[in-house]
Amino acid sequence: MGKMIKVALDAMGGDNAPGEIVKGAVDAVNERKDIKVFLVGKAEKVHEELKKYQFNEQQIEVINAEEEISCDESPVEAIRKKKDSSMVVAMKMVKDKTADAFVSAGSSGAILVGGQFVVGRIRGIKRAPLGAIMPTTKGVMLLIDAGANMDARPEQLLQFAQMGSIYMEHVVGISSPRVALVNVGLEEAKGNQLIKETAPLLKECEGLNYTGSIEAREIPDGGADVVLCDAFVGNVILKLSEGLSKVLVKEIKSGIMSTLRSKIGGALALPALKKTLKRFDASEYGGAPLLGLNGLVVKVHGSATSKEMKNAVIQCVTFTEQQINEKIKEEILKGKERQNEKKKD
């Protein structure tokens, strides 16, 4: 067996904590022998949940943390004052290298703040973006930034593109991933000031497979592997996609059950339908990594079930084994070297 990947899991974060969080941890270690999970939270509650399952006790350890951070608290104040919260304690484990990764379904704001100020950014990274894996007709794509930086600058979007490209190549396995910039049209003259200033930087960046602008309607059809935008646009795309998916599934089920004929047809089509719906189920792809930090921080939906938690934990293995942070550091260093060469010229 190779290196054991250690994941600090926020056992108290999310709508379904600690039950679904604990079950997700158990499912992960029962599926993979190369994972150790630290369940960080109120020890008594966590142990009570663990009693329901069988697992290798060497792969799960409970770390007590008496405080919790709720979604209605100020993220900055919560991270600053609640030092014994499950989130802060778990993030400090990543900072101190006790754990390789941190996963939470808790407050998005607190995760973003904690990632930046507890775990800390890689030197040279201007902002840490949230990258969300989303299904398309051709596989999956990475939406970046999906919620961390509402007012990004052109040079920050360039780094987002570089980090997203590294992630898709080495974690998802897409060679030379196509990077496209979200815009209201394909023509270079279109877009706001941010788009017009970012596009030339992407064009000039060596090693980046920039394919130009992409309109929102082309995203679900796999028009790019890395879909680049600021967090305001990205979060709107993400939540619209999630809402539309739920409505479509609901309407399909309603249509199937509407008549006897449709019920019979639905029964015949059920195996193929289930396979398709599974491929477009976001929970199959784990959580959204906060890229550019000194350790891996992963955000999952607040309503995450054990399946999503399990997949998020397993996702951390590939990220760590592929040394994504080291590759990001190398890319930033190369970028600085290229800038220095241009100044000399």
Protein backbone atom coordinates (compact mmCIF):
# COMPACT_ATOMS: atom_id res chain seq x y z
CA MET A 1 0.00 0.00 0.00
CA GLY A 2 1.19 3.54 -0.83
CA LYS A 3 0.88 6.65 1.27
CA MET A 4 -2.22 6.95 3.45
CA ILE A 5 -4.13 10.11 2.44
CA LYS A 6 -5.41 11.92 5.52
CA VAL A 7 -8.65 13.91 5.28
CA ALA A 8 -10.02 16.16 8.02
CA LEU A 9 -13.80 16.10 7.75
CA ASP A 10 -16.00 18.77 9.35
CA ALA A 11 -18.45 16.47 11.12
CA MET A 12 -20.70 19.30 12.30
CA GLY A 13 -21.03 21.24 9.03
CA GLY A 14 -24.10 21.06 6.79
CA ASP A 15 -27.83 20.43 7.03
CA ASN A 16 -27.42 16.69 7.57
CA ALA A 17 -24.59 16.72 10.13
CA PRO A 18 -23.36 14.66 11.79
CA GLY A 19 -25.33 11.66 10.46
CA GLU A 20 -24.68 11.88 6.71
CA ILE A 21 -21.15 13.19 7.25
CA VAL A 22 -20.18 10.22 9.41
CA LYS A 23 -21.82 7.74 7.04
CA GLY A 24 -19.93 9.30 4.11
CA ALA A 25 -16.66 8.90 5.99
CA VAL A 26 -17.41 5.25 6.77
CA ASP A 27 -18.38 4.54 3.15
CA ALA A 28 -15.14 6.16 1.95
CA VAL A 29 -12.83 4.10 4.17
CA ASN A 30 -14.77 0.93 3.45
CA GLU A 31 -14.22 1.55 -0.27
CA ARG A 32 -10.59 2.69 -0.08
CA LYS A 33 -7.84 1.33 2.16
CA ASP A 34 -5.51 4.25 1.43
CA ILE A 35 -7.64 6.86 3.27
CA LYS A 36 -7.66 7.93 6.90
CA VAL A 37 -10.47 10.27 7.97
CA PHE A 38 -10.35 12.58 10.96
CA LEU A 39 -13.94 13.30 12.00
CA VAL A 40 -13.71 16.71 13.67
CA GLY A 41 -16.63 17.78 15.86
CA LYS A 42 -18.45 17.06 19.10
CA ALA A 43 -16.91 13.72 20.00
CA GLU A 44 -19.92 12.33 21.86
CA LYS A 45 -22.27 12.89 18.92
CA VAL A 46 -19.77 11.57 16.39
CA HIS A 47 -19.08 8.38 18.37
CA GLU A 48 -22.83 7.82 18.70
CA GLU A 49 -23.15 7.85 14.91
CA LEU A 50 -20.11 5.63 14.39
CA LYS A 51 -21.67 2.91 16.55
CA LYS A 52 -24.13 2.24 13.71
CA TYR A 53 -21.43 1.02 11.30
CA GLN A 54 -18.63 -1.46 10.83
CA PHE A 55 -15.29 -0.16 9.57
CA ASN A 56 -11.55 -0.42 10.07
CA GLU A 57 -11.01 1.61 13.24
CA GLN A 58 -7.46 2.41 12.16
CA GLN A 59 -8.90 4.47 9.30
CA ILE A 60 -11.18 6.77 11.31
CA GLU A 61 -10.18 8.97 14.23
CA VAL A 62 -12.43 11.38 16.12
CA ILE A 63 -11.02 14.82 17.00
CA ASN A 64 -13.09 16.74 19.54
CA ALA A 65 -14.17 20.32 18.77
CA GLU A 66 -16.93 21.81 20.90
CA GLU A 67 -17.94 24.83 18.81
CA GLU A 68 -19.91 25.05 15.56
CA ILE A 69 -20.07 27.75 12.88
CA SER A 70 -23.55 28.40 11.49
CA CYS A 71 -24.43 29.86 8.09
CA ASP A 72 -25.99 33.01 9.58
CA GLU A 73 -22.79 34.10 11.34
CA SER A 74 -20.28 36.58 9.95
CA PRO A 75 -17.62 34.35 8.30
CA VAL A 76 -14.72 36.58 9.33
CA GLU A 77 -15.87 36.91 12.94
CA ALA A 78 -16.67 33.19 13.21
CA ILE A 79 -13.25 32.09 11.93
CA ARG A 80 -11.50 34.63 14.14
CA LYS A 81 -13.36 33.94 17.39
CA LYS A 82 -14.41 30.29 17.25
CA LYS A 83 -11.01 28.65 17.53
CA ASP A 84 -12.54 25.42 18.87
CA SER A 85 -15.04 25.06 16.04
CA SER A 86 -14.98 21.90 13.94
CA MET A 87 -14.11 23.97 10.87
CA VAL A 88 -11.17 25.91 12.34
CA VAL A 89 -9.71 22.89 14.14
CA ALA A 90 -9.88 20.80 10.94
CA MET A 91 -8.36 23.56 8.81
CA LYS A 92 -5.49 23.98 11.26
CA MET A 93 -4.77 20.28 10.80
CA VAL A 94 -4.25 20.96 7.09
CA LYS A 95 -2.11 24.01 7.83
CA ASP A 96 0.03 21.97 10.24
CA LYS A 97 0.28 19.08 7.71
CA THR A 98 -1.47 16.69 10.11
CA ALA A 99 -4.03 16.25 7.34
CA ASP A 100 -3.67 16.47 3.55
CA ALA A 101 -7.15 17.84 2.93
CA PHE A 102 -10.22 19.40 4.54
CA VAL A 103 -13.83 18.72 3.48
CA SER A 104 -16.92 20.52 4.74
CA ALA A 105 -20.61 21.00 3.94
CA GLY A 106 -20.73 23.96 6.31
CA SER A 107 -20.95 27.72 5.79
CA SER A 108 -19.57 28.63 2.34
CA GLY A 109 -18.42 32.04 3.55
CA ALA A 110 -16.56 30.60 6.52
CA ILE A 111 -14.89 27.94 4.35
CA LEU A 112 -13.70 30.59 1.90
CA VAL A 113 -12.42 32.87 4.66
CA GLY A 114 -10.83 30.01 6.59
CA GLY A 115 -9.18 28.64 3.47
CA GLN A 116 -7.55 32.00 2.75
CA PHE A 117 -6.52 32.93 6.31
CA VAL A 118 -6.10 29.63 8.18
CA VAL A 119 -4.69 27.34 5.49
CA GLY A 120 -3.24 30.25 3.52
CA ARG A 121 -2.59 30.86 -0.19
CA ILE A 122 0.35 29.58 -2.20
CA ARG A 123 2.94 32.33 -2.58
CA GLY A 124 2.25 34.23 -5.79
CA ILE A 125 -1.44 33.30 -5.96
CA LYS A 126 -3.50 36.49 -5.92
CA ARG A 127 -6.88 34.90 -5.09
CA ALA A 128 -8.12 31.35 -4.42
CA PRO A 129 -11.05 30.40 -6.71
CA LEU A 130 -13.71 27.77 -6.16
CA GLY A 131 -13.81 25.17 -8.92
CA ALA A 132 -17.04 23.19 -9.39
CA ILE A 133 -17.10 20.02 -11.48
CA MET A 134 -20.27 19.91 -13.60
CA PRO A 135 -21.52 17.21 -15.98
CA THR A 136 -21.88 17.86 -19.72
CA THR A 137 -22.89 15.75 -22.71
CA LYS A 138 -19.19 15.06 -23.35
CA GLY A 139 -18.20 14.22 -19.76
CA VAL A 140 -17.46 16.91 -17.19
CA MET A 141 -16.15 20.47 -17.09
CA LEU A 142 -14.74 22.72 -14.37
CA LEU A 143 -16.58 25.97 -13.66
CA ILE A 144 -14.11 28.42 -12.13
CA ASP A 145 -14.68 30.69 -10.22
CA ALA A 146 -17.94 29.21 -8.90
CA GLY A 147 -18.36 31.39 -5.83
CA ALA A 148 -15.25 32.77 -4.13
CA ASN A 149 -14.27 36.08 -5.81
CA MET A 150 -17.15 38.29 -6.90
CA ASP A 151 -14.96 41.11 -8.23
CA ALA A 152 -12.05 39.42 -9.94
CA ARG A 153 -9.39 41.20 -12.00
CA PRO A 154 -7.96 40.08 -15.36
CA GLU A 155 -4.65 38.82 -13.90
CA GLN A 156 -6.60 36.84 -11.29
CA LEU A 157 -8.77 35.21 -13.96
CA LEU A 158 -5.58 34.24 -15.78
CA GLN A 159 -4.37 32.39 -12.69
CA PHE A 160 -7.81 30.77 -12.30
CA ALA A 161 -7.49 29.47 -15.85
CA GLN A 162 -4.00 28.08 -15.19
CA MET A 163 -5.04 26.36 -11.96
CA GLY A 164 -8.24 25.00 -13.50
CA SER A 165 -6.30 23.61 -16.44
CA ILE A 166 -3.84 21.85 -14.12
CA TYR A 167 -6.72 20.38 -12.11
CA MET A 168 -8.59 19.05 -15.15
CA GLU A 169 -5.47 17.53 -16.68
CA HIS A 170 -4.09 15.80 -13.60
CA VAL A 171 -7.19 15.03 -11.51
CA VAL A 172 -9.84 14.44 -14.18
CA GLY A 173 -7.39 13.17 -16.81
CA ILE A 174 -8.14 15.48 -19.76
CA SER A 175 -5.07 16.14 -21.87
CA SER A 176 -4.60 19.79 -22.86
CA PRO A 177 -7.99 20.91 -21.48
CA ARG A 178 -9.84 23.55 -23.49
CA VAL A 179 -10.21 26.83 -21.60
CA ALA A 180 -13.02 29.21 -22.58
CA LEU A 181 -14.09 32.58 -21.17
CA VAL A 182 -17.81 33.07 -20.45
CA ASN A 183 -19.15 35.87 -22.65
CA VAL A 184 -22.38 37.15 -24.21
CA GLY A 185 -21.11 36.38 -27.71
CA LEU A 186 -18.20 34.83 -29.58
CA GLU A 187 -16.93 38.03 -31.20
CA GLU A 188 -13.87 39.61 -29.60
CA ALA A 189 -15.55 43.01 -29.48
CA LYS A 190 -18.28 41.73 -27.17
CA GLY A 191 -18.24 41.57 -23.38
CA ASN A 192 -17.65 43.91 -20.47
CA GLN A 193 -14.34 45.52 -19.56
CA LEU A 194 -13.22 42.48 -17.52
CA ILE A 195 -13.71 40.18 -20.49
CA LYS A 196 -11.95 42.50 -22.92
CA GLU A 197 -8.92 42.86 -20.64
CA THR A 198 -8.72 39.17 -19.73
CA ALA A 199 -8.93 37.67 -23.23
CA PRO A 200 -5.53 39.01 -24.42
CA LEU A 201 -3.83 37.63 -21.29
CA LEU A 202 -5.29 34.19 -21.96
CA LYS A 203 -4.22 34.32 -25.61
CA GLU A 204 -0.63 35.16 -24.71
CA CYS A 205 -0.28 32.58 -21.93
CA GLU A 206 2.08 29.78 -22.98
CA GLY A 207 0.86 26.27 -22.28
CA LEU A 208 -2.79 27.30 -21.92
CA ASN A 209 -5.20 25.82 -24.47
CA TYR A 210 -7.39 28.92 -24.72
CA THR A 211 -10.18 28.49 -27.28
CA GLY A 212 -11.87 31.90 -26.96
CA SER A 213 -15.27 32.93 -25.64
CA ILE A 214 -18.12 30.59 -24.78
CA GLU A 215 -21.81 31.43 -24.51
CA ALA A 216 -23.77 29.96 -21.61
CA ARG A 217 -25.90 27.77 -23.89
CA GLU A 218 -22.78 25.95 -25.11
CA ILE A 219 -21.61 25.00 -21.61
CA PRO A 220 -23.92 21.97 -21.02
CA ASP A 221 -22.94 20.55 -24.41
CA GLY A 222 -19.28 20.36 -23.43
CA GLY A 223 -18.04 23.43 -25.29
CA ALA A 224 -15.03 23.67 -22.97
CA ASP A 225 -13.25 21.70 -20.26
CA VAL A 226 -12.50 24.76 -18.12
CA VAL A 227 -15.22 27.40 -18.10
CA LEU A 228 -13.74 30.65 -16.82
CA CYS A 229 -15.59 33.57 -15.21
CA ASP A 230 -15.76 35.71 -12.08
CA ALA A 231 -17.60 34.26 -9.07
CA PHE A 232 -20.75 36.34 -9.58
CA VAL A 233 -21.32 34.91 -13.05
CA GLY A 234 -20.10 31.47 -12.01
CA ASN A 235 -22.41 31.15 -9.05
CA VAL A 236 -25.41 32.19 -11.17
CA ILE A 237 -24.49 29.54 -13.78
CA LEU A 238 -24.02 26.89 -11.08
CA LYS A 239 -27.30 27.53 -9.27
CA LEU A 240 -29.33 27.93 -12.45
CA SER A 241 -27.96 24.58 -13.68
CA GLU A 242 -28.78 22.87 -10.38
CA GLY A 243 -32.29 24.34 -10.31
CA LEU A 244 -32.98 23.48 -13.94
CA SER A 245 -31.81 19.89 -13.39
CA LYS A 246 -34.20 19.44 -10.46
CA VAL A 247 -37.12 20.87 -12.44
CA LEU A 248 -36.41 18.65 -15.46
CA VAL A 249 -36.22 15.50 -13.31
CA LYS A 250 -39.46 16.46 -11.56
CA GLU A 251 -41.25 17.12 -14.86
CA ILE A 252 -39.97 13.88 -16.42
CA LYS A 253 -41.25 11.87 -13.46
CA SER A 254 -44.58 13.69 -13.58
CA GLY A 255 -44.93 13.02 -17.32
CA ILE A 256 -44.11 9.33 -16.93
CA MET A 257 -46.76 8.88 -14.24
CA SER A 258 -49.50 10.86 -16.06
CA THR A 259 -51.12 8.01 -18.06
CA LEU A 260 -51.10 4.22 -18.20
CA ARG A 261 -49.33 4.30 -21.57
CA SER A 262 -46.60 6.63 -20.27
CA LYS A 263 -46.15 4.42 -17.19
CA ILE A 264 -45.56 1.37 -19.38
CA GLY A 265 -43.16 3.32 -21.60
CA GLY A 266 -41.42 4.71 -18.53
CA ALA A 267 -40.91 1.23 -17.10
CA LEU A 268 -39.26 0.12 -20.35
CA ALA A 269 -37.05 3.21 -20.47
CA LEU A 270 -36.19 3.18 -16.75
CA PRO A 271 -32.73 1.48 -16.94
CA ALA A 272 -31.47 3.90 -19.61
CA LEU A 273 -33.06 6.87 -17.82
CA LYS A 274 -31.42 5.98 -14.51
CA LYS A 275 -28.02 5.69 -16.19
CA THR A 276 -28.41 9.11 -17.82
CA LEU A 277 -29.67 10.81 -14.66
CA LYS A 278 -26.79 9.33 -12.66
CA ARG A 279 -24.28 10.86 -15.08
CA PHE A 280 -25.88 14.28 -14.61
CA ASP A 281 -26.06 13.95 -10.82
CA ALA A 282 -23.61 16.53 -9.39
CA SER A 283 -23.15 14.51 -6.19
CA GLU A 284 -21.35 11.83 -8.23
CA TYR A 285 -18.39 14.17 -8.71
CA GLY A 286 -17.59 15.13 -5.11
CA GLY A 287 -17.10 18.70 -3.94
CA ALA A 288 -15.70 21.98 -5.22
CA PRO A 289 -11.98 22.48 -4.47
CA LEU A 290 -10.68 25.87 -3.39
CA LEU A 291 -7.58 26.05 -5.58
CA GLY A 292 -4.35 27.90 -4.89
CA LEU A 293 -4.05 27.17 -1.16
CA ASN A 294 -1.21 25.54 0.78
CA GLY A 295 -3.45 22.53 1.35
CA LEU A 296 -6.61 21.11 -0.19
CA VAL A 297 -9.93 22.62 0.92
CA VAL A 298 -13.13 21.14 -0.55
CA LYS A 299 -16.63 22.60 -0.26
CA VAL A 300 -19.67 20.36 -0.71
CA HIS A 301 -23.35 21.33 -0.80
CA GLY A 302 -24.93 22.23 2.54
CA SER A 303 -27.56 19.55 1.91
CA ALA A 304 -24.93 16.94 1.01
CA THR A 305 -25.79 13.28 1.54
CA SER A 306 -23.37 10.53 2.50
CA LYS A 307 -22.76 9.75 -1.19
CA GLU A 308 -21.53 13.27 -1.92
CA MET A 309 -19.37 13.26 1.23
CA LYS A 310 -17.86 9.89 0.29
CA ASN A 311 -17.04 11.06 -3.24
CA ALA A 312 -15.55 14.31 -1.91
CA VAL A 313 -13.25 12.38 0.43
CA ILE A 314 -12.15 10.01 -2.34
CA GLN A 315 -11.60 13.01 -4.63
CA CYS A 316 -8.91 14.20 -2.18
CA VAL A 317 -6.81 11.11 -2.91
CA THR A 318 -6.28 11.91 -6.59
CA PHE A 319 -5.65 15.59 -5.84
CA THR A 320 -2.97 14.72 -3.28
CA GLU A 321 -1.36 11.90 -5.26
CA GLN A 322 -1.10 14.08 -8.36
CA GLN A 323 0.58 16.84 -6.28
CA ILE A 324 -1.71 19.53 -7.68
CA ASN A 325 -0.41 22.24 -5.34
CA GLU A 326 3.18 21.53 -6.38
CA LYS A 327 2.18 21.77 -10.05
CA ILE A 328 0.42 25.10 -9.38
CA LYS A 329 3.57 26.42 -7.67
CA GLU A 330 5.63 25.37 -10.71
CA GLU A 331 3.24 27.16 -13.07
CA ILE A 332 3.34 30.36 -11.02
CA LEU A 333 7.15 30.24 -11.01
CA LYS A 334 7.23 29.75 -14.79
CA GLY A 335 4.89 32.71 -15.18
CA LYS A 336 7.23 34.94 -13.17
CA GLU A 337 10.20 33.80 -15.22
CA ARG A 338 8.36 34.60 -18.46
CA GLN A 339 7.47 38.06 -17.14
CA ASN A 340 11.11 38.72 -16.21
CA GLU A 341 12.26 37.65 -19.69
CA LYS A 342 9.76 40.05 -21.30
CA LYS A 343 11.02 42.92 -19.15
CA LYS A 344 14.60 42.19 -20.28
CA ASP A 345 13.53 42.22 -23.92
